[in-house]
């Protein structure tokens, strides 16, 4: 699976604590190997019909959508209390 991170994603990522960044890379690796891995806890984002989210930790999420069968666009990452606004 090819993963493309938007500029907005990259800016939000840089603001995260270093420990969350480290865990994110583990989850991204899992996503690339098998995006249906149950450890990702993928769910639809109700407010954005096309978007999905996966869990980094219990408190942090990544928003993404599929551009096609082989490409996922990661467009936001943040604490769950803020990302759903």
N, C-alpha and C. Protein backbone atom coordinates (compact mmCIF):
# COMPACT_ATOMS: atom_id res chain seq x y z
N UNK A 1 0.85 -1.18 0.00
CA UNK A 1 0.00 0.00 0.00
C UNK A 1 0.89 1.23 0.00
N UNK A 2 0.65 2.12 -0.93
CA UNK A 2 1.38 3.38 -0.99
C UNK A 2 0.66 4.40 -0.10
N UNK A 3 1.42 5.11 0.71
CA UNK A 3 0.86 6.10 1.63
C UNK A 3 1.40 7.47 1.24
N UNK A 4 0.47 8.41 1.04
CA UNK A 4 0.84 9.79 0.74
C UNK A 4 0.37 10.65 1.91
N UNK A 5 1.28 11.43 2.47
CA UNK A 5 0.94 12.33 3.58
C UNK A 5 0.83 13.75 3.04
N UNK A 6 -0.27 14.42 3.32
CA UNK A 6 -0.46 15.79 2.86
C UNK A 6 0.41 16.74 3.70
N UNK A 7 0.55 17.96 3.20
CA UNK A 7 1.30 18.97 3.96
C UNK A 7 0.63 19.27 5.30
N UNK A 8 -0.71 19.31 5.32
CA UNK A 8 -1.44 19.53 6.57
C UNK A 8 -1.14 18.41 7.57
N UNK A 9 -1.09 17.19 7.07
CA UNK A 9 -0.76 16.05 7.93
C UNK A 9 0.64 16.23 8.51
N UNK A 10 1.60 16.57 7.67
CA UNK A 10 2.98 16.72 8.13
C UNK A 10 3.11 17.81 9.19
N UNK A 11 2.42 18.93 9.00
CA UNK A 11 2.47 20.01 10.00
C UNK A 11 1.88 19.54 11.34
N UNK A 12 0.75 18.85 11.28
CA UNK A 12 0.11 18.35 12.51
C UNK A 12 1.00 17.30 13.18
N UNK A 13 1.63 16.45 12.37
CA UNK A 13 2.50 15.41 12.90
C UNK A 13 3.66 15.99 13.68
N UNK A 14 4.26 17.07 13.18
CA UNK A 14 5.41 17.69 13.84
C UNK A 14 5.07 18.24 15.22
N UNK A 15 3.81 18.54 15.45
CA UNK A 15 3.36 19.08 16.74
C UNK A 15 3.09 18.00 17.79
N UNK A 16 3.07 16.75 17.38
CA UNK A 16 2.77 15.66 18.30
C UNK A 16 3.95 15.37 19.23
N UNK A 17 3.66 14.82 20.41
CA UNK A 17 4.76 14.38 21.29
C UNK A 17 5.60 13.30 20.60
N UNK A 18 6.87 13.24 20.91
CA UNK A 18 7.79 12.30 20.27
C UNK A 18 7.35 10.85 20.46
N UNK A 19 6.82 10.52 21.61
CA UNK A 19 6.37 9.14 21.86
C UNK A 19 5.22 8.77 20.93
N UNK A 20 4.31 9.69 20.68
CA UNK A 20 3.18 9.44 19.77
C UNK A 20 3.70 9.30 18.34
N UNK A 21 4.69 10.10 17.97
CA UNK A 21 5.29 9.98 16.65
C UNK A 21 5.91 8.60 16.46
N UNK A 22 6.58 8.12 17.47
CA UNK A 22 7.21 6.79 17.40
C UNK A 22 6.16 5.70 17.21
N UNK A 23 5.08 5.77 17.98
CA UNK A 23 4.01 4.77 17.87
C UNK A 23 3.31 4.88 16.51
N UNK A 24 3.17 6.12 16.02
CA UNK A 24 2.56 6.31 14.71
C UNK A 24 3.29 5.50 13.64
N UNK A 25 4.62 5.55 13.64
CA UNK A 25 5.39 4.84 12.61
C UNK A 25 5.16 3.33 12.68
N UNK A 26 4.98 2.79 13.86
CA UNK A 26 4.64 1.38 14.01
C UNK A 26 3.27 1.10 13.36
N UNK A 27 2.29 1.95 13.65
CA UNK A 27 0.96 1.78 13.09
C UNK A 27 0.96 1.98 11.57
N UNK A 28 1.75 2.93 11.09
CA UNK A 28 1.82 3.13 9.64
C UNK A 28 2.39 1.90 8.95
N UNK A 29 3.38 1.29 9.57
CA UNK A 29 3.97 0.06 9.02
C UNK A 29 2.92 -1.04 8.95
N UNK A 30 2.12 -1.18 10.00
CA UNK A 30 1.03 -2.16 10.00
C UNK A 30 0.03 -1.85 8.89
N UNK A 31 -0.31 -0.57 8.75
CA UNK A 31 -1.25 -0.14 7.71
C UNK A 31 -0.72 -0.51 6.33
N UNK A 32 0.55 -0.24 6.08
CA UNK A 32 1.14 -0.55 4.78
C UNK A 32 1.15 -2.03 4.47
N UNK A 33 1.34 -2.85 5.49
CA UNK A 33 1.36 -4.30 5.30
C UNK A 33 -0.04 -4.87 5.11
N UNK A 34 -0.99 -4.38 5.89
CA UNK A 34 -2.37 -4.87 5.82
C UNK A 34 -3.28 -3.83 6.45
N UNK A 35 -3.92 -3.02 5.63
CA UNK A 35 -4.74 -1.94 6.17
C UNK A 35 -5.95 -2.46 6.94
N UNK A 36 -6.26 -3.72 6.84
CA UNK A 36 -7.39 -4.30 7.59
C UNK A 36 -6.96 -4.93 8.92
N UNK A 37 -5.73 -4.71 9.32
CA UNK A 37 -5.22 -5.24 10.58
C UNK A 37 -6.12 -4.74 11.72
N UNK A 38 -6.66 -5.65 12.53
CA UNK A 38 -7.58 -5.23 13.60
C UNK A 38 -6.94 -4.34 14.66
N UNK A 39 -5.62 -4.34 14.76
CA UNK A 39 -4.95 -3.47 15.73
C UNK A 39 -5.04 -2.00 15.36
N UNK A 40 -5.44 -1.71 14.13
CA UNK A 40 -5.59 -0.32 13.68
C UNK A 40 -6.94 0.29 14.09
N UNK A 41 -7.93 -0.56 14.35
CA UNK A 41 -9.26 -0.08 14.74
C UNK A 41 -9.80 0.93 13.72
N UNK A 42 -9.82 0.56 12.46
CA UNK A 42 -10.29 1.46 11.40
C UNK A 42 -11.80 1.64 11.48
N UNK A 43 -12.22 2.91 11.37
CA UNK A 43 -13.65 3.24 11.42
C UNK A 43 -13.94 4.37 10.43
N UNK A 44 -15.18 4.42 9.97
CA UNK A 44 -15.62 5.53 9.13
C UNK A 44 -15.78 6.77 9.99
N UNK A 45 -15.48 7.91 9.40
CA UNK A 45 -15.69 9.19 10.07
C UNK A 45 -17.05 9.69 9.62
N UNK A 46 -18.01 9.72 10.52
CA UNK A 46 -19.39 10.05 10.16
C UNK A 46 -19.53 11.44 9.54
N UNK A 47 -18.79 12.41 10.04
CA UNK A 47 -18.90 13.78 9.55
C UNK A 47 -18.34 13.95 8.14
N UNK A 48 -17.42 13.07 7.76
CA UNK A 48 -16.79 13.10 6.43
C UNK A 48 -17.05 11.77 5.76
N UNK A 49 -18.01 11.74 4.89
CA UNK A 49 -18.46 10.49 4.29
C UNK A 49 -17.38 9.66 3.62
N UNK A 50 -16.36 10.30 3.08
CA UNK A 50 -15.32 9.59 2.35
C UNK A 50 -14.15 9.16 3.24
N UNK A 51 -14.07 9.69 4.45
CA UNK A 51 -12.88 9.51 5.29
C UNK A 51 -13.01 8.35 6.26
N UNK A 52 -11.85 7.82 6.61
CA UNK A 52 -11.73 6.76 7.61
C UNK A 52 -10.70 7.24 8.63
N UNK A 53 -10.69 6.57 9.78
CA UNK A 53 -9.67 6.88 10.77
C UNK A 53 -9.07 5.58 11.29
N UNK A 54 -7.83 5.68 11.74
CA UNK A 54 -7.26 4.54 12.47
C UNK A 54 -6.59 5.05 13.73
N UNK A 55 -6.52 4.16 14.69
CA UNK A 55 -6.03 4.50 16.02
C UNK A 55 -4.51 4.40 16.08
N UNK A 56 -3.91 5.42 16.65
CA UNK A 56 -2.48 5.38 16.96
C UNK A 56 -2.35 4.89 18.39
N UNK A 57 -3.04 5.56 19.30
CA UNK A 57 -3.19 5.12 20.69
C UNK A 57 -4.66 5.31 21.01
N UNK A 58 -5.04 5.09 22.23
CA UNK A 58 -6.43 5.31 22.61
C UNK A 58 -6.84 6.77 22.41
N UNK A 59 -5.88 7.69 22.46
CA UNK A 59 -6.19 9.11 22.38
C UNK A 59 -5.88 9.78 21.05
N UNK A 60 -5.07 9.16 20.20
CA UNK A 60 -4.67 9.81 18.95
C UNK A 60 -5.17 9.02 17.74
N UNK A 61 -5.57 9.79 16.70
CA UNK A 61 -6.12 9.20 15.48
C UNK A 61 -5.48 9.80 14.25
N UNK A 62 -5.51 9.04 13.17
CA UNK A 62 -5.11 9.51 11.85
C UNK A 62 -6.32 9.42 10.93
N UNK A 63 -6.59 10.47 10.18
CA UNK A 63 -7.66 10.49 9.18
C UNK A 63 -7.04 10.24 7.81
N UNK A 64 -7.72 9.42 7.01
CA UNK A 64 -7.23 9.11 5.67
C UNK A 64 -8.40 8.74 4.76
N UNK A 65 -8.11 8.67 3.48
CA UNK A 65 -9.05 8.13 2.50
C UNK A 65 -8.25 7.42 1.43
N UNK A 66 -8.94 6.57 0.67
CA UNK A 66 -8.28 5.84 -0.40
C UNK A 66 -8.43 6.61 -1.71
N UNK A 67 -7.30 6.88 -2.35
CA UNK A 67 -7.32 7.51 -3.66
C UNK A 67 -7.68 6.46 -4.71
N UNK A 68 -7.15 5.26 -4.53
CA UNK A 68 -7.47 4.10 -5.35
C UNK A 68 -7.12 2.86 -4.54
N UNK A 69 -7.14 1.70 -5.16
CA UNK A 69 -6.90 0.45 -4.41
C UNK A 69 -5.50 0.35 -3.81
N UNK A 70 -4.54 1.03 -4.40
CA UNK A 70 -3.15 0.92 -3.96
C UNK A 70 -2.64 2.14 -3.20
N UNK A 71 -3.43 3.20 -3.08
CA UNK A 71 -2.94 4.45 -2.51
C UNK A 71 -3.87 5.00 -1.45
N UNK A 72 -3.32 5.32 -0.29
CA UNK A 72 -4.07 5.96 0.80
C UNK A 72 -3.49 7.35 1.03
N UNK A 73 -4.38 8.32 1.21
CA UNK A 73 -3.98 9.69 1.48
C UNK A 73 -4.23 9.97 2.97
N UNK A 74 -3.17 10.24 3.72
CA UNK A 74 -3.29 10.61 5.13
C UNK A 74 -3.36 12.13 5.18
N UNK A 75 -4.47 12.67 5.72
CA UNK A 75 -4.64 14.12 5.67
C UNK A 75 -4.76 14.80 7.02
N UNK A 76 -4.86 14.06 8.12
CA UNK A 76 -4.88 14.71 9.43
C UNK A 76 -4.48 13.71 10.50
N UNK A 77 -3.92 14.23 11.57
CA UNK A 77 -3.51 13.43 12.72
C UNK A 77 -3.60 14.34 13.94
N UNK A 78 -4.23 13.84 15.01
CA UNK A 78 -4.38 14.68 16.19
C UNK A 78 -5.00 13.87 17.33
N UNK A 79 -5.11 14.53 18.47
CA UNK A 79 -5.80 13.97 19.63
C UNK A 79 -7.27 13.80 19.26
N UNK A 80 -7.90 12.76 19.73
CA UNK A 80 -9.28 12.49 19.32
C UNK A 80 -10.27 13.57 19.76
N UNK A 81 -9.98 14.28 20.84
CA UNK A 81 -10.89 15.35 21.26
C UNK A 81 -10.85 16.53 20.29
N UNK A 82 -9.75 16.67 19.54
CA UNK A 82 -9.61 17.78 18.60
C UNK A 82 -9.86 17.40 17.15
N UNK A 83 -9.54 16.20 16.77
CA UNK A 83 -9.60 15.82 15.35
C UNK A 83 -11.03 15.72 14.83
N UNK A 84 -11.99 15.42 15.67
CA UNK A 84 -13.37 15.27 15.22
C UNK A 84 -14.11 16.60 15.14
N UNK A 85 -13.47 17.70 15.41
CA UNK A 85 -14.12 19.02 15.34
C UNK A 85 -14.18 19.52 13.92
